[in-house]
Amino acid sequence: MRAGIDRLLAGEADHLRGAACGLIVHPASVASDLTFSADALLGAGFDVRALFGPQHGARGEKQDNMIESEYYADPVTGLPVHSLYGETRKPTPEMLDGLDALLFDLQDVGVRVFTFVWTMALSMEACAEAGVRFVVLDRPNPIGCHRREGPVLRAGFESFVGLHPVPLRHGLTCAELARWLNDVRGIACELEVIACEGLRRRMRWSDTGLPWVRPSPNLPTLDSCEVYPGTVLVEGTNLSEGRGTTQPFEFVGAPYLDARAFVERLDGHALPGVRFR
């Protein structure tokens, strides 16, 4: 299986080689040889003019969940880095000025409340307004595309952890969601997709042959991604979802809990496929 970035580097979209490009990236934006996408594209002769960083930053320098960042120069390439998790969540006309295309290469985890897909949606809107092509370099959904679960976002509850009515576990890749946003939700930007080659809907990450790079500082493993659609909801309570531990989103607790009684009550629900310890 090949991700969109590898197909682009292999020359399968050479019409982009002469375009002035911006690139939305984070630490998991890597080619199959683990080269950071920005470095790989520059090395291949693409005209990358600017980087755009989502939550946690373009190179993952913002570990804290809610810390915001602003404009700075990338220490490796010297390119300007525009924060899409600061004063604005949406690229401004000034950020897009001089660009022919904005490339999106973020690793999503298939869950509505993970902010990267909404960074994508707002960037698509900005590109539609500015007349800039939006290109999705697609990546696999690490928890698979064969299942949709959980409630659909209700109208009136839109926020940066849910801007459009999709299920909590949406079962889509970023490119599939981008097409839906563009065609059904009416964003209507000039959208181009470089799809994953060889991807099947029931594939999990271990089936892809791609190296695993954590998409968030707090989602270090595939196990944490598997449980994230459920345990991320603990963030809305006064319990801890395990951030700062070795197994975030697998540990849930608080100093005042009677752990044994809590586990017995949870196990009493006999949830299929789940054991609590």
Protein backbone atom coordinates (compact mmCIF):
# COMPACT_ATOMS: atom_id res chain seq x y z
CA MET A 1 0.00 0.00 0.00
CA ARG A 2 1.24 3.51 -0.82
CA ALA A 3 0.12 6.73 0.83
CA GLY A 4 -0.53 9.91 -1.13
CA ILE A 5 2.82 11.49 -0.26
CA ASP A 6 4.70 8.50 -1.69
CA ARG A 7 2.71 8.63 -4.91
CA LEU A 8 3.43 12.34 -5.24
CA LEU A 9 7.14 11.79 -4.67
CA ALA A 10 7.08 8.99 -7.26
CA GLY A 11 6.02 11.48 -9.92
CA GLU A 12 2.34 10.55 -10.17
CA ALA A 13 1.19 14.18 -9.92
CA ASP A 14 3.99 16.04 -11.65
CA HIS A 15 1.68 18.92 -12.58
CA LEU A 16 2.20 20.05 -8.97
CA ARG A 17 5.98 20.21 -9.34
CA GLY A 18 5.88 23.71 -10.80
CA ALA A 19 3.20 25.02 -8.43
CA ALA A 20 3.91 27.30 -5.50
CA CYS A 21 2.75 25.11 -2.62
CA GLY A 22 1.88 25.44 1.02
CA LEU A 23 1.97 22.29 3.12
CA ILE A 24 -0.11 21.39 6.18
CA VAL A 25 2.05 18.99 8.18
CA HIS A 26 2.79 17.49 11.59
CA PRO A 27 5.34 14.91 12.83
CA ALA A 28 3.45 11.95 11.33
CA SER A 29 3.64 13.59 7.88
CA VAL A 30 6.34 11.26 6.64
CA ALA A 31 7.09 9.29 3.50
CA SER A 32 7.46 5.52 3.72
CA ASP A 33 11.18 5.95 4.44
CA LEU A 34 10.28 8.18 7.43
CA THR A 35 11.49 11.39 5.75
CA PHE A 36 9.42 14.38 6.86
CA SER A 37 7.10 15.38 4.01
CA ALA A 38 8.37 18.94 3.77
CA ASP A 39 11.99 17.79 3.58
CA ALA A 40 11.12 15.09 1.05
CA LEU A 41 9.19 17.44 -1.23
CA LEU A 42 11.88 20.11 -1.12
CA GLY A 43 14.51 17.47 -1.85
CA ALA A 44 12.48 16.28 -4.84
CA GLY A 45 12.36 19.79 -6.30
CA PHE A 46 8.85 20.86 -5.31
CA ASP A 47 8.34 24.57 -4.75
CA VAL A 48 7.23 24.56 -1.12
CA ARG A 49 6.79 28.16 0.04
CA ALA A 50 5.27 27.79 3.52
CA LEU A 51 4.31 25.26 6.18
CA PHE A 52 1.07 25.24 8.15
CA GLY A 53 0.89 23.64 11.59
CA PRO A 54 -2.25 22.12 13.19
CA GLN A 55 -2.79 21.40 16.88
CA HIS A 56 0.57 20.41 18.47
CA GLY A 57 2.52 22.22 15.73
CA ALA A 58 4.16 21.41 12.41
CA ARG A 59 7.01 19.45 14.01
CA GLY A 60 5.16 18.49 17.20
CA GLU A 61 6.76 21.11 19.38
CA LYS A 62 3.51 21.81 21.24
CA GLN A 63 2.87 18.77 23.44
CA ASP A 64 0.22 20.24 25.69
CA ASN A 65 -3.29 19.55 24.47
CA MET A 66 -4.58 23.12 24.41
CA ILE A 67 -1.43 25.24 23.94
CA GLU A 68 -1.63 27.56 20.96
CA SER A 69 1.23 28.71 18.75
CA GLU A 70 1.85 31.55 16.34
CA TYR A 71 3.92 32.32 13.24
CA TYR A 72 7.60 31.34 13.28
CA ALA A 73 10.35 30.20 10.94
CA ASP A 74 10.94 26.46 10.62
CA PRO A 75 14.38 25.78 12.14
CA VAL A 76 15.23 23.12 9.54
CA THR A 77 14.05 24.60 6.24
CA GLY A 78 13.77 28.27 7.14
CA LEU A 79 10.26 28.30 5.68
CA PRO A 80 7.56 30.38 7.36
CA VAL A 81 5.26 28.31 9.56
CA HIS A 82 1.69 29.55 9.93
CA SER A 83 -0.18 28.26 12.95
CA LEU A 84 -3.69 26.95 12.38
CA TYR A 85 -4.07 26.49 16.13
CA GLY A 86 -3.55 30.04 17.34
CA GLU A 87 -5.38 33.28 16.77
CA THR A 88 -7.02 31.66 13.76
CA ARG A 89 -8.01 28.10 12.94
CA LYS A 90 -8.47 29.00 9.27
CA PRO A 91 -5.77 30.14 6.82
CA THR A 92 -6.03 33.86 6.18
CA PRO A 93 -5.80 35.43 2.71
CA GLU A 94 -2.35 36.71 3.69
CA MET A 95 -1.18 33.17 4.50
CA LEU A 96 -2.38 31.91 1.12
CA ASP A 97 -1.08 34.87 -0.88
CA GLY A 98 1.24 33.72 -3.66
CA LEU A 99 0.29 30.04 -3.38
CA ASP A 100 -1.10 27.98 -6.25
CA ALA A 101 -1.94 24.97 -4.09
CA LEU A 102 -2.27 24.04 -0.43
CA LEU A 103 -1.28 20.42 0.26
CA PHE A 104 -2.78 18.58 3.24
CA ASP A 105 -0.72 15.72 4.67
CA LEU A 106 -1.97 15.02 8.19
CA GLN A 107 -2.48 11.61 9.78
CA ASP A 108 -6.02 11.48 11.15
CA VAL A 109 -7.30 8.81 13.56
CA GLY A 110 -10.87 8.40 12.31
CA VAL A 111 -12.65 10.16 15.18
CA ARG A 112 -14.80 13.29 14.89
CA VAL A 113 -13.31 15.09 17.90
CA PHE A 114 -9.74 14.80 16.59
CA THR A 115 -9.16 18.31 15.27
CA PHE A 116 -7.19 17.59 12.10
CA VAL A 117 -10.22 16.98 9.88
CA TRP A 118 -11.64 20.34 10.93
CA THR A 119 -8.34 22.01 10.15
CA MET A 120 -8.83 20.42 6.74
CA ALA A 121 -12.42 21.67 6.42
CA LEU A 122 -11.53 25.25 7.33
CA SER A 123 -8.52 25.17 5.01
CA MET A 124 -10.76 23.98 2.18
CA GLU A 125 -13.09 26.91 2.86
CA ALA A 126 -10.17 29.34 2.79
CA CYS A 127 -8.89 27.88 -0.48
CA ALA A 128 -12.34 28.16 -2.05
CA GLU A 129 -12.45 31.83 -1.10
CA ALA A 130 -8.90 32.53 -2.30
CA GLY A 131 -9.00 30.50 -5.52
CA VAL A 132 -6.21 28.19 -4.34
CA ARG A 133 -6.25 24.48 -5.20
CA PHE A 134 -6.56 22.17 -2.19
CA VAL A 135 -4.74 18.84 -2.49
CA VAL A 136 -5.26 15.95 -0.05
CA LEU A 137 -2.35 13.53 0.20
CA ASP A 138 -4.40 10.70 1.61
CA ARG A 139 -3.39 8.34 4.41
CA PRO A 140 -5.05 5.26 5.91
CA ASN A 141 -7.51 5.48 8.75
CA PRO A 142 -5.57 3.60 11.48
CA ILE A 143 -8.71 2.07 13.04
CA GLY A 144 -10.14 1.02 9.68
CA CYS A 145 -12.86 2.25 7.34
CA HIS A 146 -15.25 -0.68 7.73
CA ARG A 147 -17.25 0.60 10.68
CA ARG A 148 -19.13 3.75 11.69
CA GLU A 149 -20.10 4.13 15.33
CA GLY A 150 -21.46 6.64 17.78
CA PRO A 151 -23.80 9.61 17.61
CA VAL A 152 -23.87 12.05 14.71
CA LEU A 153 -23.15 15.65 15.68
CA ARG A 154 -26.40 17.56 16.16
CA ALA A 155 -27.01 20.96 14.58
CA GLY A 156 -26.29 23.78 16.99
CA PHE A 157 -23.39 21.99 18.69
CA GLU A 158 -20.71 22.80 16.12
CA SER A 159 -17.20 23.57 17.40
CA PHE A 160 -13.59 22.89 16.50
CA VAL A 161 -14.08 19.30 17.69
CA GLY A 162 -17.02 18.87 15.32
CA LEU A 163 -18.01 21.24 12.51
CA HIS A 164 -20.19 18.97 10.37
CA PRO A 165 -22.66 16.13 11.09
CA VAL A 166 -20.54 12.98 11.08
CA PRO A 167 -20.55 10.04 13.52
CA LEU A 168 -18.09 9.98 16.38
CA ARG A 169 -16.21 7.19 14.60
CA HIS A 170 -16.68 8.20 10.98
CA GLY A 171 -14.97 5.34 9.12
CA LEU A 172 -13.43 7.57 6.43
CA THR A 173 -10.02 8.64 5.25
CA CYS A 174 -9.29 12.35 5.05
CA ALA A 175 -9.72 12.32 1.27
CA GLU A 176 -13.12 10.64 1.51
CA LEU A 177 -14.24 13.16 4.10
CA ALA A 178 -12.88 16.01 1.96
CA ARG A 179 -14.94 14.86 -1.03
CA TRP A 180 -18.07 14.72 1.14
CA LEU A 181 -17.40 18.17 2.58
CA ASN A 182 -16.82 19.56 -0.88
CA ASP A 183 -19.72 17.93 -2.72
CA VAL A 184 -22.40 17.44 -0.07
CA ARG A 185 -21.64 20.17 2.45
CA GLY A 186 -21.01 22.74 -0.26
CA ILE A 187 -17.46 23.93 0.39
CA ALA A 188 -16.85 23.75 -3.37
CA CYS A 189 -13.11 24.35 -3.47
CA GLU A 190 -10.88 23.17 -6.31
CA LEU A 191 -10.20 19.80 -4.73
CA GLU A 192 -7.60 17.28 -5.85
CA VAL A 193 -7.05 13.94 -4.15
CA ILE A 194 -3.95 11.78 -4.34
CA ALA A 195 -5.50 8.63 -2.92
CA CYS A 196 -3.86 5.73 -1.14
CA GLU A 197 -2.95 2.95 -3.56
CA GLY A 198 -3.99 -0.55 -2.50
CA LEU A 199 -6.05 0.52 0.52
CA ARG A 200 -8.94 -1.75 1.52
CA ARG A 201 -11.72 -0.71 3.88
CA ARG A 202 -11.05 -3.40 6.48
CA MET A 203 -7.33 -2.70 6.64
CA ARG A 204 -5.90 -1.77 10.01
CA TRP A 205 -2.57 -0.03 10.20
CA SER A 206 -0.67 -3.28 10.66
CA ASP A 207 -1.99 -4.40 7.26
CA THR A 208 -0.61 -1.39 5.37
CA GLY A 209 3.12 -2.01 5.69
CA LEU A 210 3.63 1.66 6.56
CA PRO A 211 5.74 2.77 9.54
CA TRP A 212 3.73 3.97 12.54
CA VAL A 213 4.41 7.52 13.72
CA ARG A 214 2.17 8.78 16.47
CA PRO A 215 -0.33 11.36 15.15
CA SER A 216 -0.52 13.14 18.50
CA PRO A 217 1.76 13.27 21.56
CA ASN A 218 -1.10 11.65 23.47
CA LEU A 219 -1.84 8.87 20.96
CA PRO A 220 1.47 7.03 20.94
CA THR A 221 0.27 3.56 19.95
CA LEU A 222 -2.31 1.83 17.80
CA ASP A 223 -3.94 0.57 21.01
CA SER A 224 -4.49 4.14 22.18
CA CYS A 225 -6.08 4.96 18.82
CA GLU A 226 -8.37 1.92 19.06
CA VAL A 227 -9.83 3.00 22.41
CA TYR A 228 -9.77 6.73 21.68
CA PRO A 229 -13.31 6.90 20.16
CA GLY A 230 -14.70 5.89 23.55
CA THR A 231 -12.31 7.10 26.20
CA VAL A 232 -11.82 10.55 24.66
CA LEU A 233 -15.28 11.28 26.06
CA VAL A 234 -13.77 11.07 29.56
CA GLU A 235 -12.24 14.48 28.80
CA GLY A 236 -15.68 15.93 29.46
CA THR A 237 -15.65 14.69 33.08
CA ASN A 238 -13.53 15.31 36.17
CA LEU A 239 -11.68 12.02 35.64
CA SER A 240 -8.27 11.80 34.02
CA GLU A 241 -8.02 10.00 30.68
CA GLY A 242 -4.40 9.11 31.33
CA ARG A 243 -2.52 11.95 29.63
CA GLY A 244 1.04 11.96 30.89
CA THR A 245 1.03 8.22 31.59
CA THR A 246 2.58 5.53 29.42
CA GLN A 247 -0.87 4.49 28.17
CA PRO A 248 -3.01 7.57 27.54
CA PHE A 249 -6.68 6.84 26.88
CA GLU A 250 -6.16 3.30 28.20
CA PHE A 251 -5.90 4.48 31.81
CA VAL A 252 -8.82 6.31 33.45
CA GLY A 253 -8.75 7.45 37.05
CA ALA A 254 -8.82 10.04 39.79
CA PRO A 255 -7.33 10.17 43.32
CA TYR A 256 -10.76 9.96 44.94
CA LEU A 257 -11.89 6.77 43.15
CA ASP A 258 -12.27 3.41 44.84
CA ALA A 259 -10.63 1.61 41.92
CA ARG A 260 -11.82 -1.88 42.87
CA ALA A 261 -15.46 -0.84 43.29
CA PHE A 262 -15.31 1.21 40.09
CA VAL A 263 -13.97 -1.73 38.08
CA GLU A 264 -16.53 -4.14 39.50
CA ARG A 265 -19.34 -1.80 38.53
CA LEU A 266 -17.99 -1.31 35.00
CA ASP A 267 -17.44 -5.03 34.48
CA GLY A 268 -21.00 -5.58 35.69
CA HIS A 269 -22.25 -4.06 32.43
CA ALA A 270 -20.72 -7.02 30.54
CA LEU A 271 -19.72 -4.89 27.57
CA PRO A 272 -18.71 -7.18 24.68
CA GLY A 273 -14.97 -7.29 24.08
CA VAL A 274 -14.11 -5.10 27.08
CA ARG A 275 -12.49 -5.94 30.41
CA PHE A 276 -11.62 -3.43 33.10
CA ARG A 277 -8.77 -3.82 35.57
